[in-house]
Amino acid sequence: MITAKDFPSLTDDLQSIFNETAKSKVANMQSSKIFNVFDTDRLTYDHLILHGVSGIQRVADGADLPRINSEEGDTVTWTQDYYGAIFGVTKKMRKFDLHDQISQLPKTLVEDAFDKIEQSLADVLLNGFSASNYADVYGASVAAVGPDGLALFSTVHSNNINSNTFSNIITSNPALSRQAVITARTQGRTHKDPNGIKRPINLDTLIVPVALEDLAERILNSDLMPGSSYNDINSLKGKVTTLIVWECLDTRTDGTDTSAYWFMADSSKVGESLQCLFAERPTLDAPDEIYSNKNWDYSCDFYYAIGRGYPAYIFGSNASGS
């Protein structure tokens, strides 16, 4: 029988199981390869989008250097939300030394926490083709729009400086193919900032669901052109340097089949488009008081916020062909 005197050692065991499982889940999270994940102690976090500066000029001998023109875009605020749950080590579990059942409690709880975090971040991409609110993995209504009031993927992204617009929907929402990847990369490399200065976006990362893994591997890594009878080089080989296969992209939280969706990102800048801010990461806390004949309630809780910033560095297609 597990008694009150065993509480400290039991708590140490549960903490160890929780921490080891959390470590494994974090190591396998695909979202951290796309989102800029960081810690903050702020309840609300203000993010200023700096569109870029212009002003480099030829300077006459003896003349003063010109001052640059700094173009500040939208300011967006992201607010932390609170999540968590409790599991109880019951009297039955303690009386009959049901260690196998007890050890599964922290393991499944932390798995659930990280699975929900991961799916909530995947849903940002999967719901990025509409400006309508959607229900997230926790059942809450989430605003799908970014700081410009448009869906994450839009043909007319705007800024608050001038009338310039840009698109980060892969043209005509094609199914994944070699030509579609080439089209997206061309689209990104011709991007201009609100100053009218060319700021090429290097779409060097392909992000796909499991269903598209084999096709993506052949498109990117075949020595010759896949699907072609010509003995020609694969010009994409080495240019799209990272393939991310993300299990959470196959199905949206609402059950929609999204296994044909695919995305591309500029690995050096995508953190400006997608952010995940933790005020507190998932932790396991022991009960403040224990009772010999009641549940010993352990809790897991955390705070985090999802940030949608300047969307230029993440492109997407829902394969609708329109």
C-alpha atoms as a PDB file:
ATOM      1  CA  MET A   1       0.000   0.000   0.000  1.00  0.00           C
ATOM      2  CA  ILE A   2       1.242   3.490  -0.873  1.00  0.00           C
ATOM      3  CA  THR A   3       0.857   5.641   2.214  1.00  0.00           C
ATOM      4  CA  ALA A   4       1.408   9.302   3.032  1.00  0.00           C
ATOM      5  CA  LYS A   5       5.047   8.623   3.912  1.00  0.00           C
ATOM      6  CA  ASP A   6       5.565   7.422   0.339  1.00  0.00           C
ATOM      7  CA  PHE A   7       4.276  10.700  -1.106  1.00  0.00           C
ATOM      8  CA  PRO A   8       7.716  12.344  -1.652  1.00  0.00           C
ATOM      9  CA  SER A   9       9.186   9.345  -3.486  1.00  0.00           C
ATOM     10  CA  LEU A  10       6.032   8.887  -5.560  1.00  0.00           C
ATOM     11  CA  THR A  11       6.107  12.552  -6.528  1.00  0.00           C
ATOM     12  CA  ASP A  12       9.748  12.265  -7.590  1.00  0.00           C
ATOM     13  CA  ASP A  13       8.880   9.257  -9.758  1.00  0.00           C
ATOM     14  CA  LEU A  14       5.942  11.019 -11.404  1.00  0.00           C
ATOM     15  CA  GLN A  15       8.032  14.143 -12.019  1.00  0.00           C
ATOM     16  CA  SER A  16      10.732  12.028 -13.646  1.00  0.00           C
ATOM     17  CA  ILE A  17       8.226  10.296 -15.938  1.00  0.00           C
ATOM     18  CA  PHE A  18       6.649  13.641 -16.830  1.00  0.00           C
ATOM     19  CA  ASN A  19       9.992  15.284 -17.592  1.00  0.00           C
ATOM     20  CA  GLU A  20      11.330  12.408 -19.689  1.00  0.00           C
ATOM     21  CA  THR A  21       8.118  12.244 -21.724  1.00  0.00           C
ATOM     22  CA  ALA A  22       8.113  16.027 -22.194  1.00  0.00           C
ATOM     23  CA  LYS A  23      11.726  15.920 -23.353  1.00  0.00           C
ATOM     24  CA  SER A  24      10.863  13.274 -25.953  1.00  0.00           C
ATOM     25  CA  LYS A  25       7.796  15.181 -27.178  1.00  0.00           C
ATOM     26  CA  VAL A  26       9.726  18.445 -27.522  1.00  0.00           C
ATOM     27  CA  ALA A  27      12.477  16.716 -29.483  1.00  0.00           C
ATOM     28  CA  ASN A  28       9.927  15.463 -32.014  1.00  0.00           C
ATOM     29  CA  MET A  29       7.890  18.652 -32.412  1.00  0.00           C
ATOM     30  CA  GLN A  30       7.883  19.839 -36.019  1.00  0.00           C
ATOM     31  CA  SER A  31       6.318  23.205 -35.177  1.00  0.00           C
ATOM     32  CA  SER A  32       9.559  24.461 -33.615  1.00  0.00           C
ATOM     33  CA  LYS A  33      11.207  24.157 -37.049  1.00  0.00           C
ATOM     34  CA  ILE A  34       8.713  26.664 -38.440  1.00  0.00           C
ATOM     35  CA  PHE A  35       7.508  28.823 -35.565  1.00  0.00           C
ATOM     36  CA  ASN A  36       9.776  31.111 -33.577  1.00  0.00           C
ATOM     37  CA  VAL A  37       9.239  29.580 -30.121  1.00  0.00           C
ATOM     38  CA  PHE A  38      10.414  31.636 -27.151  1.00  0.00           C
ATOM     39  CA  ASP A  39       9.653  32.543 -23.551  1.00  0.00           C
ATOM     40  CA  THR A  40       8.214  35.800 -22.284  1.00  0.00           C
ATOM     41  CA  ASP A  41       7.069  37.049 -18.898  1.00  0.00           C
ATOM     42  CA  ARG A  42       4.433  39.329 -20.417  1.00  0.00           C
ATOM     43  CA  LEU A  43       0.684  38.656 -20.365  1.00  0.00           C
ATOM     44  CA  THR A  44       0.341  40.736 -23.541  1.00  0.00           C
ATOM     45  CA  TYR A  45       3.210  40.958 -25.994  1.00  0.00           C
ATOM     46  CA  ASP A  46       3.440  43.822 -28.483  1.00  0.00           C
ATOM     47  CA  HIS A  47       5.138  43.017 -31.762  1.00  0.00           C
ATOM     48  CA  LEU A  48       6.152  45.784 -34.167  1.00  0.00           C
ATOM     49  CA  ILE A  49       6.481  44.865 -37.815  1.00  0.00           C
ATOM     50  CA  LEU A  50       9.366  46.756 -39.409  1.00  0.00           C
ATOM     51  CA  HIS A  51       8.907  46.569 -43.158  1.00  0.00           C
ATOM     52  CA  GLY A  52      12.397  47.729 -43.946  1.00  0.00           C
ATOM     53  CA  VAL A  53      14.502  50.809 -44.460  1.00  0.00           C
ATOM     54  CA  SER A  54      15.672  52.730 -47.496  1.00  0.00           C
ATOM     55  CA  GLY A  55      18.095  55.568 -47.962  1.00  0.00           C
ATOM     56  CA  ILE A  56      21.467  54.347 -49.203  1.00  0.00           C
ATOM     57  CA  GLN A  57      22.646  56.960 -51.703  1.00  0.00           C
ATOM     58  CA  ARG A  58      25.768  58.070 -53.478  1.00  0.00           C
ATOM     59  CA  VAL A  59      27.442  60.648 -51.234  1.00  0.00           C
ATOM     60  CA  ALA A  60      29.371  63.578 -52.639  1.00  0.00           C
ATOM     61  CA  ASP A  61      32.834  64.226 -51.242  1.00  0.00           C
ATOM     62  CA  GLY A  62      32.488  66.095 -47.953  1.00  0.00           C
ATOM     63  CA  ALA A  63      28.694  65.800 -47.832  1.00  0.00           C
ATOM     64  CA  ASP A  64      26.743  64.428 -44.876  1.00  0.00           C
ATOM     65  CA  LEU A  65      25.426  60.925 -45.015  1.00  0.00           C
ATOM     66  CA  PRO A  66      21.663  60.886 -45.624  1.00  0.00           C
ATOM     67  CA  ARG A  67      19.360  59.633 -42.915  1.00  0.00           C
ATOM     68  CA  ILE A  68      17.523  56.452 -43.723  1.00  0.00           C
ATOM     69  CA  ASN A  69      13.763  56.254 -43.958  1.00  0.00           C
ATOM     70  CA  SER A  70      12.514  53.631 -41.520  1.00  0.00           C
ATOM     71  CA  GLU A  71       9.130  52.192 -42.470  1.00  0.00           C
ATOM     72  CA  GLU A  72       7.280  50.837 -39.481  1.00  0.00           C
ATOM     73  CA  GLY A  73       4.246  48.708 -40.231  1.00  0.00           C
ATOM     74  CA  ASP A  74       1.521  47.260 -38.070  1.00  0.00           C
ATOM     75  CA  THR A  75       1.772  46.740 -34.336  1.00  0.00           C
ATOM     76  CA  VAL A  76       0.068  43.577 -33.153  1.00  0.00           C
ATOM     77  CA  THR A  77      -0.604  42.378 -29.597  1.00  0.00           C
ATOM     78  CA  TRP A  78      -0.644  38.719 -28.604  1.00  0.00           C
ATOM     79  CA  THR A  79      -2.224  37.651 -25.304  1.00  0.00           C
ATOM     80  CA  GLN A  80      -1.352  34.586 -23.255  1.00  0.00           C
ATOM     81  CA  ASP A  81      -4.046  31.979 -22.552  1.00  0.00           C
ATOM     82  CA  TYR A  82      -4.068  29.493 -19.696  1.00  0.00           C
ATOM     83  CA  TYR A  83      -4.364  25.711 -20.138  1.00  0.00           C
ATOM     84  CA  GLY A  84      -4.132  22.720 -17.856  1.00  0.00           C
ATOM     85  CA  ALA A  85      -5.688  19.653 -16.232  1.00  0.00           C
ATOM     86  CA  ILE A  86      -5.535  17.511 -13.077  1.00  0.00           C
ATOM     87  CA  PHE A  87      -5.132  13.784 -12.594  1.00  0.00           C
ATOM     88  CA  GLY A  88      -5.796  11.998  -9.338  1.00  0.00           C
ATOM     89  CA  VAL A  89      -3.850   9.168  -7.768  1.00  0.00           C
ATOM     90  CA  THR A  90      -6.834   7.456  -6.144  1.00  0.00           C
ATOM     91  CA  LYS A  91      -7.048   5.523  -2.908  1.00  0.00           C
ATOM     92  CA  LYS A  92      -7.674   2.347  -4.935  1.00  0.00           C
ATOM     93  CA  MET A  93      -4.448   2.868  -6.866  1.00  0.00           C
ATOM     94  CA  ARG A  94      -2.515   3.397  -3.637  1.00  0.00           C
ATOM     95  CA  LYS A  95      -4.142   0.635  -1.606  1.00  0.00           C
ATOM     96  CA  PHE A  96      -3.475  -2.010  -4.236  1.00  0.00           C
ATOM     97  CA  ASP A  97      -0.099  -0.656  -5.407  1.00  0.00           C
ATOM     98  CA  LEU A  98      -1.267  -0.103  -8.981  1.00  0.00           C
ATOM     99  CA  HIS A  99       2.043   1.366 -10.081  1.00  0.00           C
ATOM    100  CA  ASP A 100       1.478   0.636 -13.781  1.00  0.00           C
ATOM    101  CA  GLN A 101      -1.706   2.693 -13.786  1.00  0.00           C
ATOM    102  CA  ILE A 102      -0.166   5.481 -11.730  1.00  0.00           C
ATOM    103  CA  SER A 103       2.898   5.791 -13.973  1.00  0.00           C
ATOM    104  CA  GLN A 104       0.692   6.173 -17.064  1.00  0.00           C
ATOM    105  CA  LEU A 105      -1.062   9.237 -15.656  1.00  0.00           C
ATOM    106  CA  PRO A 106       1.747  11.813 -16.002  1.00  0.00           C
ATOM    107  CA  LYS A 107       2.886  10.241 -19.263  1.00  0.00           C
ATOM    108  CA  THR A 108      -0.491  10.518 -20.992  1.00  0.00           C
ATOM    109  CA  LEU A 109      -1.147  13.961 -19.514  1.00  0.00           C
ATOM    110  CA  VAL A 110       2.060  15.486 -20.855  1.00  0.00           C
ATOM    111  CA  GLU A 111       1.555  13.755 -24.208  1.00  0.00           C
ATOM    112  CA  ASP A 112      -1.900  15.303 -24.410  1.00  0.00           C
ATOM    113  CA  ALA A 113      -0.502  18.740 -23.552  1.00  0.00           C
ATOM    114  CA  PHE A 114       2.175  18.709 -26.250  1.00  0.00           C
ATOM    115  CA  ASP A 115      -0.074  17.053 -28.834  1.00  0.00           C
ATOM    116  CA  LYS A 116      -2.620  19.842 -28.369  1.00  0.00           C
ATOM    117  CA  ILE A 117       0.053  22.538 -28.566  1.00  0.00           C
ATOM    118  CA  GLU A 118       1.402  20.984 -31.754  1.00  0.00           C
ATOM    119  CA  GLN A 119      -2.045  20.671 -33.351  1.00  0.00           C
ATOM    120  CA  SER A 120      -2.991  24.232 -32.403  1.00  0.00           C
ATOM    121  CA  LEU A 121       0.086  25.484 -34.258  1.00  0.00           C
ATOM    122  CA  ALA A 122      -0.581  23.275 -37.285  1.00  0.00           C
ATOM    123  CA  ASP A 123      -4.135  24.637 -37.408  1.00  0.00           C
ATOM    124  CA  VAL A 124      -2.720  28.124 -37.959  1.00  0.00           C
ATOM    125  CA  LEU A 125      -1.512  26.916 -41.360  1.00  0.00           C
ATOM    126  CA  LEU A 126      -4.454  24.640 -42.124  1.00  0.00           C
ATOM    127  CA  ASN A 127      -7.005  27.379 -41.400  1.00  0.00           C
ATOM    128  CA  GLY A 128      -4.922  30.034 -43.119  1.00  0.00           C
ATOM    129  CA  PHE A 129      -6.944  30.209 -46.332  1.00  0.00           C
ATOM    130  CA  SER A 130     -10.002  31.881 -44.815  1.00  0.00           C
ATOM    131  CA  ALA A 131     -10.499  34.960 -42.666  1.00  0.00           C
ATOM    132  CA  SER A 132     -13.298  33.259 -40.712  1.00  0.00           C
ATOM    133  CA  ASN A 133     -12.848  32.351 -37.069  1.00  0.00           C
ATOM    134  CA  TYR A 134     -12.319  28.665 -36.383  1.00  0.00           C
ATOM    135  CA  ALA A 135     -12.601  26.364 -33.365  1.00  0.00           C
ATOM    136  CA  ASP A 136      -9.197  25.330 -32.086  1.00  0.00           C
ATOM    137  CA  VAL A 137      -8.185  22.053 -30.510  1.00  0.00           C
ATOM    138  CA  TYR A 138      -9.417  23.311 -27.116  1.00  0.00           C
ATOM    139  CA  GLY A 139     -12.837  24.220 -28.510  1.00  0.00           C
ATOM    140  CA  ALA A 140     -12.264  27.986 -28.343  1.00  0.00           C
ATOM    141  CA  SER A 141     -13.027  30.381 -31.194  1.00  0.00           C
ATOM    142  CA  VAL A 142      -9.804  31.697 -32.740  1.00  0.00           C
ATOM    143  CA  ALA A 143      -9.393  34.689 -35.045  1.00  0.00           C
ATOM    144  CA  ALA A 144      -7.723  33.482 -38.226  1.00  0.00           C
ATOM    145  CA  VAL A 145      -6.578  36.884 -39.464  1.00  0.00           C
ATOM    146  CA  GLY A 146      -3.161  38.471 -39.145  1.00  0.00           C
ATOM    147  CA  PRO A 147      -2.232  42.077 -38.368  1.00  0.00           C
ATOM    148  CA  ASP A 148      -3.475  43.286 -41.765  1.00  0.00           C
ATOM    149  CA  GLY A 149      -6.951  41.862 -41.107  1.00  0.00           C
ATOM    150  CA  LEU A 150      -6.598  39.224 -43.831  1.00  0.00           C
ATOM    151  CA  ALA A 151      -6.236  35.454 -43.815  1.00  0.00           C
ATOM    152  CA  LEU A 152      -2.708  34.141 -43.332  1.00  0.00           C
ATOM    153  CA  PHE A 153      -2.601  33.218 -47.022  1.00  0.00           C
ATOM    154  CA  SER A 154      -4.016  35.991 -49.191  1.00  0.00           C
ATOM    155  CA  THR A 155      -3.501  37.385 -52.689  1.00  0.00           C
ATOM    156  CA  VAL A 156      -3.757  40.989 -51.450  1.00  0.00           C
ATOM    157  CA  HIS A 157      -1.793  41.330 -48.223  1.00  0.00           C
ATOM    158  CA  SER A 158      -1.610  45.016 -47.342  1.00  0.00           C
ATOM    159  CA  ASN A 159       0.354  47.304 -45.047  1.00  0.00           C
ATOM    160  CA  ASN A 160      -0.466  50.557 -43.303  1.00  0.00           C
ATOM    161  CA  ILE A 161       2.106  52.600 -45.235  1.00  0.00           C
ATOM    162  CA  ASN A 162       0.935  52.629 -48.831  1.00  0.00           C
ATOM    163  CA  SER A 163      -1.214  50.738 -51.316  1.00  0.00           C
ATOM    164  CA  ASN A 164       1.381  48.098 -52.169  1.00  0.00           C
ATOM    165  CA  THR A 165       0.120  44.526 -51.842  1.00  0.00           C
ATOM    166  CA  PHE A 166       1.635  41.073 -52.165  1.00  0.00           C
ATOM    167  CA  SER A 167       0.434  37.476 -52.338  1.00  0.00           C
ATOM    168  CA  ASN A 168       1.645  34.486 -50.367  1.00  0.00           C
ATOM    169  CA  ILE A 169      -0.821  31.980 -51.806  1.00  0.00           C
ATOM    170  CA  ILE A 170       1.059  29.723 -54.173  1.00  0.00           C
ATOM    171  CA  THR A 171      -0.431  30.744 -57.521  1.00  0.00           C
ATOM    172  CA  SER A 172      -3.797  29.044 -58.200  1.00  0.00           C
ATOM    173  CA  ASN A 173      -3.474  26.754 -55.159  1.00  0.00           C
ATOM    174  CA  PRO A 174      -1.923  23.865 -57.109  1.00  0.00           C
ATOM    175  CA  ALA A 175      -1.394  20.312 -55.940  1.00  0.00           C
ATOM    176  CA  LEU A 176       2.182  19.589 -54.945  1.00  0.00           C
ATOM    177  CA  SER A 177       4.394  19.166 -58.001  1.00  0.00           C
ATOM    178  CA  ARG A 178       7.851  20.078 -59.197  1.00  0.00           C
ATOM    179  CA  GLN A 179       6.502  22.944 -61.306  1.00  0.00           C
ATOM    180  CA  ALA A 180       4.406  24.260 -58.426  1.00  0.00           C
ATOM    181  CA  VAL A 181       7.492  24.419 -56.190  1.00  0.00           C
ATOM    182  CA  ILE A 182       9.389  26.279 -58.919  1.00  0.00           C
ATOM    183  CA  THR A 183       6.476  28.726 -59.319  1.00  0.00           C
ATOM    184  CA  ALA A 184       6.388  29.418 -55.587  1.00  0.00           C
ATOM    185  CA  ARG A 185      10.133  30.020 -55.430  1.00  0.00           C
ATOM    186  CA  THR A 186       9.916  32.430 -58.365  1.00  0.00           C
ATOM    187  CA  GLN A 187       7.033  34.225 -56.692  1.00  0.00           C
ATOM    188  CA  GLY A 188       9.006  34.646 -53.479  1.00  0.00           C
ATOM    189  CA  ARG A 189      12.192  35.881 -55.125  1.00  0.00           C
ATOM    190  CA  THR A 190      10.391  38.797 -56.793  1.00  0.00           C
ATOM    191  CA  HIS A 191       8.908  40.128 -53.532  1.00  0.00           C
ATOM    192  CA  LYS A 192       9.221  43.863 -52.872  1.00  0.00           C
ATOM    193  CA  ASP A 193       8.803  45.635 -49.524  1.00  0.00           C
ATOM    194  CA  PRO A 194       6.547  48.702 -49.047  1.00  0.00           C
ATOM    195  CA  ASN A 195       9.471  50.921 -50.030  1.00  0.00           C
ATOM    196  CA  GLY A 196       9.439  49.295 -53.449  1.00  0.00           C
ATOM    197  CA  ILE A 197      12.822  47.687 -52.784  1.00  0.00           C
ATOM    198  CA  LYS A 198      13.232  44.087 -53.899  1.00  0.00           C
ATOM    199  CA  ARG A 199      13.530  41.859 -50.832  1.00  0.00           C
ATOM    200  CA  PRO A 200      13.820  38.314 -52.195  1.00  0.00           C
ATOM    201  CA  ILE A 201      12.185  35.601 -50.141  1.00  0.00           C
ATOM    202  CA  ASN A 202      14.164  32.369 -50.415  1.00  0.00           C
ATOM    203  CA  LEU A 203      11.632  29.565 -50.073  1.00  0.00           C
ATOM    204  CA  ASP A 204      14.140  26.926 -49.045  1.00  0.00           C
ATOM    205  CA  THR A 205      11.829  24.832 -46.842  1.00  0.00           C
ATOM    206  CA  LEU A 206       9.005  22.546 -47.977  1.00  0.00           C
ATOM    207  CA  ILE A 207       6.403  21.566 -45.369  1.00  0.00           C
ATOM    208  CA  VAL A 208       4.072  18.658 -46.123  1.00  0.00           C
ATOM    209  CA  PRO A 209       1.717  16.209 -44.400  1.00  0.00           C
ATOM    210  CA  VAL A 210       2.648  12.536 -44.182  1.00  0.00           C
ATOM    211  CA  ALA A 211       0.547  11.735 -47.247  1.00  0.00           C
ATOM    212  CA  LEU A 212       2.864  13.832 -49.446  1.00  0.00           C
ATOM    213  CA  GLU A 213       6.193  12.678 -47.993  1.00  0.00           C
ATOM    214  CA  ASP A 214       7.111  10.283 -50.806  1.00  0.00           C
ATOM    215  CA  LEU A 215       6.203  12.768 -53.552  1.00  0.00           C
ATOM    216  CA  ALA A 216       8.103  15.565 -51.797  1.00  0.00           C
ATOM    217  CA  GLU A 217      11.202  13.386 -51.430  1.00  0.00           C
ATOM    218  CA  ARG A 218      11.181  12.556 -55.126  1.00  0.00           C
ATOM    219  CA  ILE A 219      10.622  16.182 -56.172  1.00  0.00           C
ATOM    220  CA  LEU A 220      13.475  17.502 -54.053  1.00  0.00           C
ATOM    221  CA  ASN A 221      16.014  14.729 -53.877  1.00  0.00           C
ATOM    222  CA  SER A 222      15.907  12.831 -57.155  1.00  0.00           C
ATOM    223  CA  ASP A 223      19.080  13.291 -59.184  1.00  0.00           C
ATOM    224  CA  LEU A 224      17.095  13.616 -62.399  1.00  0.00           C
ATOM    225  CA  MET A 225      13.771  15.289 -63.099  1.00  0.00           C
ATOM    226  CA  PRO A 226      11.051  13.146 -61.462  1.00  0.00           C
ATOM    227  CA  GLY A 227       8.139  12.236 -63.713  1.00  0.00           C
ATOM    228  CA  SER A 228      10.101  13.092 -66.825  1.00  0.00           C
ATOM    229  CA  SER A 229      11.456  10.909 -69.605  1.00  0.00           C
ATOM    230  CA  TYR A 230      14.264  13.370 -70.190  1.00  0.00           C
ATOM    231  CA  ASN A 231      17.738  12.673 -68.904  1.00  0.00           C
ATOM    232  CA  ASP A 232      18.040  16.095 -67.285  1.00  0.00           C
ATOM    233  CA  ILE A 233      19.242  17.374 -63.939  1.00  0.00           C
ATOM    234  CA  ASN A 234      16.819  18.130 -61.108  1.00  0.00           C
ATOM    235  CA  SER A 235      17.353  21.871 -60.726  1.00  0.00           C
ATOM    236  CA  LEU A 236      15.589  21.880 -57.326  1.00  0.00           C
ATOM    237  CA  LYS A 237      18.083  19.528 -55.751  1.00  0.00           C
ATOM    238  CA  GLY A 238      20.052  21.496 -53.161  1.00  0.00           C
ATOM    239  CA  LYS A 239      17.916  24.652 -53.455  1.00  0.00           C
ATOM    240  CA  VAL A 240      15.059  23.534 -51.235  1.00  0.00           C
ATOM    241  CA  THR A 241      17.318  22.363 -48.468  1.00  0.00           C
ATOM    242  CA  THR A 242      14.818  21.314 -45.807  1.00  0.00           C
ATOM    243  CA  LEU A 243      11.825  18.986 -45.976  1.00  0.00           C
ATOM    244  CA  ILE A 244       9.525  19.001 -42.939  1.00  0.00           C
ATOM    245  CA  VAL A 245       6.978  16.184 -42.725  1.00  0.00           C
ATOM    246  CA  TRP A 246       4.409  17.182 -40.108  1.00  0.00           C
ATOM    247  CA  GLU A 247       1.875  14.586 -39.000  1.00  0.00           C
ATOM    248  CA  CYS A 248      -0.516  17.243 -37.697  1.00  0.00           C
ATOM    249  CA  LEU A 249      -1.055  18.607 -41.218  1.00  0.00           C
ATOM    250  CA  ASP A 250      -2.967  15.566 -42.502  1.00  0.00           C
ATOM    251  CA  THR A 251      -6.200  16.469 -40.708  1.00  0.00           C
ATOM    252  CA  ARG A 252      -7.492  19.736 -39.328  1.00  0.00           C
ATOM    253  CA  THR A 253      -8.976  19.851 -35.812  1.00  0.00           C
ATOM    254  CA  ASP A 254     -12.506  20.024 -37.250  1.00  0.00           C
ATOM    255  CA  GLY A 255     -11.912  16.716 -39.056  1.00  0.00           C
ATOM    256  CA  THR A 256     -11.309  18.184 -42.517  1.00  0.00           C
ATOM    257  CA  ASP A 257      -8.946  16.107 -44.658  1.00  0.00           C
ATOM    258  CA  THR A 258      -6.009  18.414 -45.366  1.00  0.00           C
ATOM    259  CA  SER A 259      -3.599  15.760 -46.608  1.00  0.00           C
ATOM    260  CA  ALA A 260      -3.159  17.580 -49.948  1.00  0.00           C
ATOM    261  CA  TYR A 261      -2.172  20.924 -48.355  1.00  0.00           C
ATOM    262  CA  TRP A 262       1.464  21.993 -48.588  1.00  0.00           C
ATOM    263  CA  PHE A 263       3.543  24.986 -47.585  1.00  0.00           C
ATOM    264  CA  MET A 264       6.892  26.635 -48.200  1.00  0.00           C
ATOM    265  CA  ALA A 265       8.914  28.936 -45.962  1.00  0.00           C
ATOM    266  CA  ASP A 266      12.025  31.065 -45.870  1.00  0.00           C
ATOM    267  CA  SER A 267      13.873  29.403 -42.989  1.00  0.00           C
ATOM    268  CA  SER A 268      15.841  32.546 -42.108  1.00  0.00           C
ATOM    269  CA  LYS A 269      12.758  34.761 -41.793  1.00  0.00           C
ATOM    270  CA  VAL A 270       9.683  32.603 -41.136  1.00  0.00           C
ATOM    271  CA  GLY A 271       9.919  33.444 -37.420  1.00  0.00           C
ATOM    272  CA  GLU A 272       8.684  36.937 -38.364  1.00  0.00           C
ATOM    273  CA  SER A 273       5.505  35.343 -39.725  1.00  0.00           C
ATOM    274  CA  LEU A 274       4.809  32.640 -37.134  1.00  0.00           C
ATOM    275  CA  GLN A 275       5.539  32.826 -33.424  1.00  0.00           C
ATOM    276  CA  CYS A 276       4.719  30.815 -30.313  1.00  0.00           C
ATOM    277  CA  LEU A 277       5.235  32.563 -26.971  1.00  0.00           C
ATOM    278  CA  PHE A 278       5.341  30.699 -23.655  1.00  0.00           C
ATOM    279  CA  ALA A 279       4.881  32.535 -20.384  1.00  0.00           C
ATOM    280  CA  GLU A 280       5.025  29.100 -18.728  1.00  0.00           C
ATOM    281  CA  ARG A 281       5.831  25.772 -20.317  1.00  0.00           C
ATOM    282  CA  PRO A 282       3.992  22.587 -19.283  1.00  0.00           C
ATOM    283  CA  THR A 283       5.015  21.505 -15.787  1.00  0.00           C
ATOM    284  CA  LEU A 284       3.774  18.949 -13.259  1.00  0.00           C
ATOM    285  CA  ASP A 285       2.852  20.216  -9.792  1.00  0.00           C
ATOM    286  CA  ALA A 286       2.193  18.064  -6.749  1.00  0.00           C
ATOM    287  CA  PRO A 287      -0.816  18.748  -4.485  1.00  0.00           C
ATOM    288  CA  ASP A 288      -0.241  21.223  -1.666  1.00  0.00           C
ATOM    289  CA  GLU A 289      -1.955  18.897   0.800  1.00  0.00           C
ATOM    290  CA  ILE A 290      -2.426  15.134   0.805  1.00  0.00           C
ATOM    291  CA  TYR A 291      -5.160  13.087   2.425  1.00  0.00           C
ATOM    292  CA  SER A 292      -4.918   9.408   3.248  1.00  0.00           C
ATOM    293  CA  ASN A 293      -8.421   8.584   1.985  1.00  0.00           C
ATOM    294  CA  LYS A 294      -8.793  10.963  -0.993  1.00  0.00           C
ATOM    295  CA  ASN A 295      -7.261  11.496  -4.376  1.00  0.00           C
ATOM    296  CA  TRP A 296      -3.801  12.970  -4.545  1.00  0.00           C
ATOM    297  CA  ASP A 297      -4.355  15.547  -7.268  1.00  0.00           C
ATOM    298  CA  TYR A 298      -1.412  16.414  -9.515  1.00  0.00           C
ATOM    299  CA  SER A 299      -1.784  19.229 -12.024  1.00  0.00           C
ATOM    300  CA  CYS A 300      -0.216  20.180 -15.328  1.00  0.00           C
ATOM    301  CA  ASP A 301      -0.654  23.758 -16.533  1.00  0.00           C
ATOM    302  CA  PHE A 302       0.901  26.262 -18.903  1.00  0.00           C
ATOM    303  CA  TYR A 303       0.481  29.623 -20.624  1.00  0.00           C
ATOM    304  CA  TYR A 304       1.145  30.289 -24.294  1.00  0.00           C
ATOM    305  CA  ALA A 305       0.073  32.505 -27.176  1.00  0.00           C
ATOM    306  CA  ILE A 306       0.213  32.095 -30.947  1.00  0.00           C
ATOM    307  CA  GLY A 307       1.438  35.082 -32.940  1.00  0.00           C
ATOM    308  CA  ARG A 308       0.739  35.833 -36.587  1.00  0.00           C
ATOM    309  CA  GLY A 309       3.120  38.500 -37.836  1.00  0.00           C
ATOM    310  CA  TYR A 310       4.214  39.771 -41.257  1.00  0.00           C
ATOM    311  CA  PRO A 311       3.027  36.859 -43.443  1.00  0.00           C
ATOM    312  CA  ALA A 312       5.453  37.238 -46.338  1.00  0.00           C
ATOM    313  CA  TYR A 313       7.785  34.416 -45.286  1.00  0.00           C
ATOM    314  CA  ILE A 314       5.292  31.539 -45.283  1.00  0.00           C
ATOM    315  CA  PHE A 315       3.505  30.467 -48.506  1.00  0.00           C
ATOM    316  CA  GLY A 316       0.730  27.915 -48.821  1.00  0.00           C
ATOM    317  CA  SER A 317      -1.506  25.946 -51.170  1.00  0.00           C
ATOM    318  CA  ASN A 318      -4.681  24.054 -50.267  1.00  0.00           C
ATOM    319  CA  ALA A 319      -4.488  22.184 -53.608  1.00  0.00           C
ATOM    320  CA  SER A 320      -7.958  23.390 -54.621  1.00  0.00           C
ATOM    321  CA  GLY A 321      -6.774  24.542 -58.034  1.00  0.00           C
ATOM    322  CA  SER A 322      -8.442  27.931 -57.670  1.00  0.00           C
END
